[in-house]
Structure formats: C-alpha cells, structure tokens
Amino acid sequence: MDQVIEKVNSLELVDEVLHFGKLGIFWGKLSEASYSKTAYHKNLLKMPFYRNITIRNANTFDKIGHFLKHNKKEIDNDIISKNQ
C-alpha cells in the first residue's frame, strides 16, 4: 500500500483533491469538464497496480460501509466459524 500511496502522491493533479484514509484513497474531481486531463485518467489507469485495486463512487462506498457496520456481528461470526 505504501508503494501505491507514494506513486499517487507523485502525480501532478489538475483540479483534483486526494485524501489518504484508513480504508482507501479518496479521489475527488472538482470539474467534470476536464476529466480526460486528470492524473487519474492520464496516469493511474496505466499503472501496473491498477488491476489489483477497486474503484467505487461515494454512494457505493457509503452503502458498503453501512452494510458492514450493521452486519458486523454476522460477519465476525462467519469468520470465527470458518477458522474453527
């Protein structure tokens, strides 16, 4: 993960904002008009690790977080039973 962060930090951003969070990299675009000029579009898509990551929009991320928060006990029990 450190290698990915280092690579992403080295990109020249064009009206983009980045936040490195605990669970992922949050990438924001300030204007849709220049999407094809973004570091994400021009550089990230071409990097070797791109195939090993997943990209989700904010709505999907929120839904996954909501699901995990409300189903944590069930998930924990599944993990425990699989490890026994």
PDB file of N, CA and C in Angstrom:
ATOM      1  N   MET A   1       0.815  -1.194   0.000  1.00  0.00           N
ATOM      2  CA  MET A   1       0.000   0.000   0.000  1.00  0.00           C
ATOM      3  C   MET A   1       0.858   1.257   0.000  1.00  0.00           C
ATOM      4  N   ASP A   2       1.978   1.229   0.709  1.00  0.00           N
ATOM      5  CA  ASP A   2       2.866   2.394   0.750  1.00  0.00           C
ATOM      6  C   ASP A   2       3.363   2.762  -0.639  1.00  0.00           C
ATOM      7  N   GLN A   3       3.616   1.746  -1.451  1.00  0.00           N
ATOM      8  CA  GLN A   3       4.095   1.977  -2.813  1.00  0.00           C
ATOM      9  C   GLN A   3       3.022   2.676  -3.653  1.00  0.00           C
ATOM     10  N   VAL A   4       1.777   2.285  -3.473  1.00  0.00           N
ATOM     11  CA  VAL A   4       0.661   2.905  -4.191  1.00  0.00           C
ATOM     12  C   VAL A   4       0.531   4.369  -3.759  1.00  0.00           C
ATOM     13  N   ILE A   5       0.574   4.625  -2.457  1.00  0.00           N
ATOM     14  CA  ILE A   5       0.463   5.987  -1.943  1.00  0.00           C
ATOM     15  C   ILE A   5       1.596   6.854  -2.482  1.00  0.00           C
ATOM     16  N   GLU A   6       2.797   6.314  -2.486  1.00  0.00           N
ATOM     17  CA  GLU A   6       3.950   7.066  -2.996  1.00  0.00           C
ATOM     18  C   GLU A   6       3.755   7.434  -4.469  1.00  0.00           C
ATOM     19  N   LYS A   7       3.295   6.467  -5.255  1.00  0.00           N
ATOM     20  CA  LYS A   7       3.073   6.696  -6.688  1.00  0.00           C
ATOM     21  C   LYS A   7       1.985   7.739  -6.916  1.00  0.00           C
ATOM     22  N   VAL A   8       0.868   7.595  -6.195  1.00  0.00           N
ATOM     23  CA  VAL A   8      -0.256   8.522  -6.353  1.00  0.00           C
ATOM     24  C   VAL A   8       0.157   9.929  -5.906  1.00  0.00           C
ATOM     25  N   ASN A   9       0.925  10.024  -4.832  1.00  0.00           N
ATOM     26  CA  ASN A   9       1.393  11.328  -4.349  1.00  0.00           C
ATOM     27  C   ASN A   9       2.285  12.034  -5.358  1.00  0.00           C
ATOM     28  N   SER A  10       2.949  11.281  -6.211  1.00  0.00           N
ATOM     29  CA  SER A  10       3.867  11.876  -7.178  1.00  0.00           C
ATOM     30  C   SER A  10       3.157  12.401  -8.433  1.00  0.00           C
ATOM     31  N   LEU A  11       1.881  12.130  -8.577  1.00  0.00           N
ATOM     32  CA  LEU A  11       1.147  12.560  -9.766  1.00  0.00           C
ATOM     33  C   LEU A  11       0.857  14.058  -9.723  1.00  0.00           C
ATOM     34  N   GLU A  12       0.875  14.671 -10.880  1.00  0.00           N
ATOM     35  CA  GLU A  12       0.515  16.086 -10.995  1.00  0.00           C
ATOM     36  C   GLU A  12      -1.003  16.180 -11.096  1.00  0.00           C
ATOM     37  N   LEU A  13      -1.617  16.808 -10.118  1.00  0.00           N
ATOM     38  CA  LEU A  13      -3.072  16.880 -10.065  1.00  0.00           C
ATOM     39  C   LEU A  13      -3.594  18.113 -10.793  1.00  0.00           C
ATOM     40  N   VAL A  14      -4.684  17.916 -11.536  1.00  0.00           N
ATOM     41  CA  VAL A  14      -5.352  19.012 -12.241  1.00  0.00           C
ATOM     42  C   VAL A  14      -6.767  19.106 -11.678  1.00  0.00           C
ATOM     43  N   ASP A  15      -7.070  20.127 -10.946  1.00  0.00           N
ATOM     44  CA  ASP A  15      -8.332  20.345 -10.231  1.00  0.00           C
ATOM     45  C   ASP A  15      -8.883  19.070  -9.587  1.00  0.00           C
ATOM     46  N   GLU A  16      -7.993  18.364  -8.906  1.00  0.00           N
ATOM     47  CA  GLU A  16      -8.333  17.128  -8.193  1.00  0.00           C
ATOM     48  C   GLU A  16      -7.901  17.274  -6.737  1.00  0.00           C
ATOM     49  N   VAL A  17      -8.554  16.552  -5.873  1.00  0.00           N
ATOM     50  CA  VAL A  17      -8.160  16.513  -4.467  1.00  0.00           C
ATOM     51  C   VAL A  17      -8.030  15.058  -4.043  1.00  0.00           C
ATOM     52  N   LEU A  18      -7.061  14.807  -3.174  1.00  0.00           N
ATOM     53  CA  LEU A  18      -6.812  13.457  -2.659  1.00  0.00           C
ATOM     54  C   LEU A  18      -6.872  13.451  -1.145  1.00  0.00           C
ATOM     55  N   HIS A  19      -7.362  12.345  -0.613  1.00  0.00           N
ATOM     56  CA  HIS A  19      -7.301  12.120   0.829  1.00  0.00           C
ATOM     57  C   HIS A  19      -6.947  10.649   1.024  1.00  0.00           C
ATOM     58  N   PHE A  20      -5.895  10.391   1.787  1.00  0.00           N
ATOM     59  CA  PHE A  20      -5.497   9.026   2.093  1.00  0.00           C
ATOM     60  C   PHE A  20      -6.130   8.657   3.421  1.00  0.00           C
ATOM     61  N   GLY A  21      -7.152   7.841   3.369  1.00  0.00           N
ATOM     62  CA  GLY A  21      -7.859   7.427   4.564  1.00  0.00           C
ATOM     63  C   GLY A  21      -7.414   6.062   5.035  1.00  0.00           C
ATOM     64  N   LYS A  22      -7.990   5.631   6.125  1.00  0.00           N
ATOM     65  CA  LYS A  22      -7.675   4.335   6.712  1.00  0.00           C
ATOM     66  C   LYS A  22      -8.078   3.184   5.783  1.00  0.00           C
ATOM     67  N   LEU A  23      -9.183   3.364   5.066  1.00  0.00           N
ATOM     68  CA  LEU A  23      -9.714   2.289   4.227  1.00  0.00           C
ATOM     69  C   LEU A  23      -9.473   2.471   2.738  1.00  0.00           C
ATOM     70  N   GLY A  24      -8.885   3.577   2.360  1.00  0.00           N
ATOM     71  CA  GLY A  24      -8.663   3.764   0.933  1.00  0.00           C
ATOM     72  C   GLY A  24      -8.215   5.168   0.595  1.00  0.00           C
ATOM     73  N   ILE A  25      -8.066   5.379  -0.693  1.00  0.00           N
ATOM     74  CA  ILE A  25      -7.712   6.688  -1.214  1.00  0.00           C
ATOM     75  C   ILE A  25      -8.993   7.307  -1.758  1.00  0.00           C
ATOM     76  N   PHE A  26      -9.301   8.502  -1.299  1.00  0.00           N
ATOM     77  CA  PHE A  26     -10.491   9.203  -1.754  1.00  0.00           C
ATOM     78  C   PHE A  26     -10.050  10.258  -2.754  1.00  0.00           C
ATOM     79  N   TRP A  27     -10.557  10.128  -3.966  1.00  0.00           N
ATOM     80  CA  TRP A  27     -10.121  10.975  -5.071  1.00  0.00           C
ATOM     81  C   TRP A  27     -11.295  11.804  -5.525  1.00  0.00           C
ATOM     82  N   GLY A  28     -11.154  13.103  -5.467  1.00  0.00           N
ATOM     83  CA  GLY A  28     -12.242  13.986  -5.870  1.00  0.00           C
ATOM     84  C   GLY A  28     -11.887  14.798  -7.101  1.00  0.00           C
ATOM     85  N   LYS A  29     -12.875  15.027  -7.913  1.00  0.00           N
ATOM     86  CA  LYS A  29     -12.718  15.807  -9.138  1.00  0.00           C
ATOM     87  C   LYS A  29     -13.561  17.066  -8.977  1.00  0.00           C
ATOM     88  N   LEU A  30     -12.945  18.228  -9.156  1.00  0.00           N
ATOM     89  CA  LEU A  30     -13.649  19.485  -8.942  1.00  0.00           C
ATOM     90  C   LEU A  30     -14.522  19.873 -10.134  1.00  0.00           C
ATOM     91  N   SER A  31     -14.172  19.404 -11.329  1.00  0.00           N
ATOM     92  CA  SER A  31     -14.945  19.746 -12.519  1.00  0.00           C
ATOM     93  C   SER A  31     -14.972  18.559 -13.468  1.00  0.00           C
ATOM     94  N   GLU A  32     -16.151  18.164 -13.906  1.00  0.00           N
ATOM     95  CA  GLU A  32     -16.263  17.040 -14.844  1.00  0.00           C
ATOM     96  C   GLU A  32     -15.829  17.431 -16.251  1.00  0.00           C
ATOM     97  N   ALA A  33     -15.781  18.712 -16.533  1.00  0.00           N
ATOM     98  CA  ALA A  33     -15.450  19.182 -17.881  1.00  0.00           C
ATOM     99  C   ALA A  33     -14.050  18.762 -18.338  1.00  0.00           C
ATOM    100  N   SER A  34     -13.123  18.650 -17.400  1.00  0.00           N
ATOM    101  CA  SER A  34     -11.743  18.320 -17.774  1.00  0.00           C
ATOM    102  C   SER A  34     -11.313  16.934 -17.292  1.00  0.00           C
ATOM    103  N   TYR A  35     -12.247  16.006 -17.220  1.00  0.00           N
ATOM    104  CA  TYR A  35     -11.938  14.663 -16.703  1.00  0.00           C
ATOM    105  C   TYR A  35     -10.778  14.010 -17.442  1.00  0.00           C
ATOM    106  N   SER A  36     -10.745  14.146 -18.767  1.00  0.00           N
ATOM    107  CA  SER A  36      -9.698  13.470 -19.550  1.00  0.00           C
ATOM    108  C   SER A  36      -8.309  14.029 -19.283  1.00  0.00           C
ATOM    109  N   LYS A  37      -8.209  15.161 -18.599  1.00  0.00           N
ATOM    110  CA  LYS A  37      -6.912  15.757 -18.278  1.00  0.00           C
ATOM    111  C   LYS A  37      -6.447  15.427 -16.863  1.00  0.00           C
ATOM    112  N   THR A  38      -7.222  14.667 -16.132  1.00  0.00           N
ATOM    113  CA  THR A  38      -6.874  14.376 -14.737  1.00  0.00           C
ATOM    114  C   THR A  38      -5.735  13.383 -14.625  1.00  0.00           C
ATOM    115  N   ALA A  39      -5.039  13.434 -13.502  1.00  0.00           N
ATOM    116  CA  ALA A  39      -3.970  12.477 -13.224  1.00  0.00           C
ATOM    117  C   ALA A  39      -4.539  11.062 -13.171  1.00  0.00           C
ATOM    118  N   TYR A  40      -5.748  10.957 -12.623  1.00  0.00           N
ATOM    119  CA  TYR A  40      -6.405   9.645 -12.557  1.00  0.00           C
ATOM    120  C   TYR A  40      -6.558   9.070 -13.960  1.00  0.00           C
ATOM    121  N   HIS A  41      -7.111   9.839 -14.844  1.00  0.00           N
ATOM    122  CA  HIS A  41      -7.387   9.370 -16.210  1.00  0.00           C
ATOM    123  C   HIS A  41      -6.104   9.178 -17.012  1.00  0.00           C
ATOM    124  N   LYS A  42      -5.169  10.101 -16.900  1.00  0.00           N
ATOM    125  CA  LYS A  42      -3.947  10.066 -17.712  1.00  0.00           C
ATOM    126  C   LYS A  42      -2.888   9.105 -17.182  1.00  0.00           C
ATOM    127  N   ASN A  43      -2.812   8.926 -15.865  1.00  0.00           N
ATOM    128  CA  ASN A  43      -1.706   8.155 -15.285  1.00  0.00           C
ATOM    129  C   ASN A  43      -2.122   6.907 -14.532  1.00  0.00           C
ATOM    130  N   LEU A  44      -3.051   7.052 -13.607  1.00  0.00           N
ATOM    131  CA  LEU A  44      -3.399   5.941 -12.725  1.00  0.00           C
ATOM    132  C   LEU A  44      -3.888   4.720 -13.492  1.00  0.00           C
ATOM    133  N   LEU A  45      -4.703   4.939 -14.505  1.00  0.00           N
ATOM    134  CA  LEU A  45      -5.247   3.824 -15.283  1.00  0.00           C
ATOM    135  C   LEU A  45      -4.153   2.984 -15.943  1.00  0.00           C
ATOM    136  N   LYS A  46      -2.991   3.578 -16.147  1.00  0.00           N
ATOM    137  CA  LYS A  46      -1.897   2.901 -16.850  1.00  0.00           C
ATOM    138  C   LYS A  46      -0.873   2.258 -15.922  1.00  0.00           C
ATOM    139  N   MET A  47      -1.048   2.428 -14.633  1.00  0.00           N
ATOM    140  CA  MET A  47      -0.067   1.889 -13.683  1.00  0.00           C
ATOM    141  C   MET A  47      -0.289   0.398 -13.452  1.00  0.00           C
ATOM    142  N   PRO A  48       0.787  -0.344 -13.224  1.00  0.00           N
ATOM    143  CA  PRO A  48       0.695  -1.804 -13.089  1.00  0.00           C
ATOM    144  C   PRO A  48      -0.243  -2.278 -11.978  1.00  0.00           C
ATOM    145  N   PHE A  49      -0.323  -1.558 -10.876  1.00  0.00           N
ATOM    146  CA  PHE A  49      -1.155  -1.991  -9.759  1.00  0.00           C
ATOM    147  C   PHE A  49      -2.637  -1.724  -9.983  1.00  0.00           C
ATOM    148  N   TYR A  50      -2.998  -0.981 -11.042  1.00  0.00           N
ATOM    149  CA  TYR A  50      -4.393  -0.592 -11.254  1.00  0.00           C
ATOM    150  C   TYR A  50      -5.325  -1.801 -11.323  1.00  0.00           C
ATOM    151  N   ARG A  51      -4.855  -2.890 -11.869  1.00  0.00           N
ATOM    152  CA  ARG A  51      -5.678  -4.105 -11.986  1.00  0.00           C
ATOM    153  C   ARG A  51      -5.946  -4.762 -10.638  1.00  0.00           C
ATOM    154  N   ASN A  52      -5.180  -4.396  -9.632  1.00  0.00           N
ATOM    155  CA  ASN A  52      -5.319  -5.001  -8.308  1.00  0.00           C
ATOM    156  C   ASN A  52      -6.099  -4.137  -7.326  1.00  0.00           C
ATOM    157  N   ILE A  53      -6.635  -3.032  -7.793  1.00  0.00           N
ATOM    158  CA  ILE A  53      -7.407  -2.163  -6.905  1.00  0.00           C
ATOM    159  C   ILE A  53      -8.848  -2.091  -7.397  1.00  0.00           C
ATOM    160  N   THR A  54      -9.706  -1.584  -6.572  1.00  0.00           N
ATOM    161  CA  THR A  54     -11.097  -1.415  -6.957  1.00  0.00           C
ATOM    162  C   THR A  54     -11.472   0.058  -6.786  1.00  0.00           C
ATOM    163  N   ILE A  55     -12.233   0.550  -7.728  1.00  0.00           N
ATOM    164  CA  ILE A  55     -12.666   1.939  -7.718  1.00  0.00           C
ATOM    165  C   ILE A  55     -14.168   1.961  -7.471  1.00  0.00           C
ATOM    166  N   ARG A  56     -14.596   2.731  -6.511  1.00  0.00           N
ATOM    167  CA  ARG A  56     -16.021   2.847  -6.185  1.00  0.00           C
ATOM    168  C   ARG A  56     -16.379   4.314  -6.014  1.00  0.00           C
ATOM    169  N   ASN A  57     -17.588   4.677  -6.414  1.00  0.00           N
ATOM    170  CA  ASN A  57     -18.014   6.049  -6.182  1.00  0.00           C
ATOM    171  C   ASN A  57     -18.472   6.210  -4.735  1.00  0.00           C
ATOM    172  N   ALA A  58     -18.747   7.443  -4.344  1.00  0.00           N
ATOM    173  CA  ALA A  58     -19.079   7.733  -2.943  1.00  0.00           C
ATOM    174  C   ALA A  58     -20.334   6.999  -2.484  1.00  0.00           C
ATOM    175  N   ASN A  59     -21.341   6.906  -3.339  1.00  0.00           N
ATOM    176  CA  ASN A  59     -22.581   6.226  -2.946  1.00  0.00           C
ATOM    177  C   ASN A  59     -22.336   4.747  -2.653  1.00  0.00           C
ATOM    178  N   THR A  60     -21.579   4.089  -3.500  1.00  0.00           N
ATOM    179  CA  THR A  60     -21.284   2.669  -3.296  1.00  0.00           C
ATOM    180  C   THR A  60     -20.451   2.481  -2.035  1.00  0.00           C
ATOM    181  N   PHE A  61     -19.469   3.344  -1.833  1.00  0.00           N
ATOM    182  CA  PHE A  61     -18.633   3.268  -0.645  1.00  0.00           C
ATOM    183  C   PHE A  61     -19.487   3.403   0.610  1.00  0.00           C
ATOM    184  N   ASP A  62     -20.405   4.372   0.611  1.00  0.00           N
ATOM    185  CA  ASP A  62     -21.295   4.570   1.766  1.00  0.00           C
ATOM    186  C   ASP A  62     -22.173   3.347   2.014  1.00  0.00           C
ATOM    187  N   LYS A  63     -22.696   2.748   0.961  1.00  0.00           N
ATOM    188  CA  LYS A  63     -23.561   1.564   1.105  1.00  0.00           C
ATOM    189  C   LYS A  63     -22.778   0.378   1.660  1.00  0.00           C
ATOM    190  N   ILE A  64     -21.555   0.193   1.189  1.00  0.00           N
ATOM    191  CA  ILE A  64     -20.717  -0.897   1.696  1.00  0.00           C
ATOM    192  C   ILE A  64     -20.420  -0.663   3.180  1.00  0.00           C
ATOM    193  N   GLY A  65     -20.069   0.576   3.541  1.00  0.00           N
ATOM    194  CA  GLY A  65     -19.804   0.910   4.940  1.00  0.00           C
ATOM    195  C   GLY A  65     -21.018   0.688   5.819  1.00  0.00           C
ATOM    196  N   HIS A  66     -22.186   1.088   5.343  1.00  0.00           N
ATOM    197  CA  HIS A  66     -23.433   0.890   6.083  1.00  0.00           C
ATOM    198  C   HIS A  66     -23.700  -0.601   6.287  1.00  0.00           C
ATOM    199  N   PHE A  67     -23.518  -1.375   5.219  1.00  0.00           N
ATOM    200  CA  PHE A  67     -23.728  -2.823   5.291  1.00  0.00           C
ATOM    201  C   PHE A  67     -22.783  -3.450   6.319  1.00  0.00           C
ATOM    202  N   LEU A  68     -21.512  -3.095   6.241  1.00  0.00           N
ATOM    203  CA  LEU A  68     -20.529  -3.676   7.163  1.00  0.00           C
ATOM    204  C   LEU A  68     -20.808  -3.277   8.611  1.00  0.00           C
ATOM    205  N   LYS A  69     -21.198  -2.039   8.819  1.00  0.00           N
ATOM    206  CA  LYS A  69     -21.480  -1.562  10.174  1.00  0.00           C
ATOM    207  C   LYS A  69     -22.658  -2.313  10.789  1.00  0.00           C
ATOM    208  N   HIS A  70     -23.696  -2.540  10.003  1.00  0.00           N
ATOM    209  CA  HIS A  70     -24.903  -3.164  10.534  1.00  0.00           C
ATOM    210  C   HIS A  70     -24.851  -4.693  10.514  1.00  0.00           C
ATOM    211  N   ASN A  71     -23.892  -5.246   9.833  1.00  0.00           N
ATOM    212  CA  ASN A  71     -23.784  -6.703   9.753  1.00  0.00           C
ATOM    213  C   ASN A  71     -22.482  -7.208  10.359  1.00  0.00           C
ATOM    214  N   LYS A  72     -21.806  -6.378  11.139  1.00  0.00           N
ATOM    215  CA  LYS A  72     -20.513  -6.731  11.717  1.00  0.00           C
ATOM    216  C   LYS A  72     -20.572  -8.014  12.552  1.00  0.00           C
ATOM    217  N   LYS A  73     -21.584  -8.150  13.391  1.00  0.00           N
ATOM    218  CA  LYS A  73     -21.693  -9.326  14.249  1.00  0.00           C
ATOM    219  C   LYS A  73     -21.811 -10.595  13.409  1.00  0.00           C
ATOM    220  N   GLU A  74     -22.634 -10.559  12.371  1.00  0.00           N
ATOM    221  CA  GLU A  74     -22.795 -11.721  11.486  1.00  0.00           C
ATOM    222  C   GLU A  74     -21.491 -12.033  10.761  1.00  0.00           C
ATOM    223  N   ILE A  75     -20.809 -11.002  10.292  1.00  0.00           N
ATOM    224  CA  ILE A  75     -19.533 -11.196   9.589  1.00  0.00           C
ATOM    225  C   ILE A  75     -18.501 -11.790  10.536  1.00  0.00           C
ATOM    226  N   ASP A  76     -18.407 -11.244  11.755  1.00  0.00           N
ATOM    227  CA  ASP A  76     -17.462 -11.769  12.747  1.00  0.00           C
ATOM    228  C   ASP A  76     -17.746 -13.241  13.051  1.00  0.00           C
ATOM    229  N   ASN A  77     -19.020 -13.605  13.215  1.00  0.00           N
ATOM    230  CA  ASN A  77     -19.391 -14.997  13.487  1.00  0.00           C
ATOM    231  C   ASN A  77     -19.022 -15.910  12.320  1.00  0.00           C
ATOM    232  N   ASP A  78     -19.214 -15.431  11.083  1.00  0.00           N
ATOM    233  CA  ASP A  78     -18.836 -16.216   9.907  1.00  0.00           C
ATOM    234  C   ASP A  78     -17.325 -16.465   9.872  1.00  0.00           C
ATOM    235  N   ILE A  79     -16.569 -15.438  10.179  1.00  0.00           N
ATOM    236  CA  ILE A  79     -15.104 -15.561  10.186  1.00  0.00           C
ATOM    237  C   ILE A  79     -14.667 -16.552  11.251  1.00  0.00           C
ATOM    238  N   ILE A  80     -15.243 -16.450  12.433  1.00  0.00           N
ATOM    239  CA  ILE A  80     -14.896 -17.361  13.536  1.00  0.00           C
ATOM    240  C   ILE A  80     -15.221 -18.798  13.154  1.00  0.00           C
ATOM    241  N   SER A  81     -16.422 -19.040  12.599  1.00  0.00           N
ATOM    242  CA  SER A  81     -16.804 -20.399  12.273  1.00  0.00           C
ATOM    243  C   SER A  81     -15.952 -20.980  11.144  1.00  0.00           C
ATOM    244  N   LYS A  82     -15.494 -20.142  10.208  1.00  0.00           N
ATOM    245  CA  LYS A  82     -14.629 -20.620   9.128  1.00  0.00           C
ATOM    246  C   LYS A  82     -13.233 -20.950   9.620  1.00  0.00           C
ATOM    247  N   ASN A  83     -12.796 -20.293  10.686  1.00  0.00           N
ATOM    248  CA  ASN A  83     -11.459 -20.520  11.232  1.00  0.00           C
ATOM    249  C   ASN A  83     -11.407 -21.668  12.231  1.00  0.00           C
ATOM    250  N   GLN A  84     -12.533 -22.255  12.548  1.00  0.00           N
ATOM    251  CA  GLN A  84     -12.538 -23.352  13.530  1.00  0.00           C
ATOM    252  C   GLN A  84     -12.344 -24.681  12.852  1.00  0.00           C
TER     253      GLN A  84
END
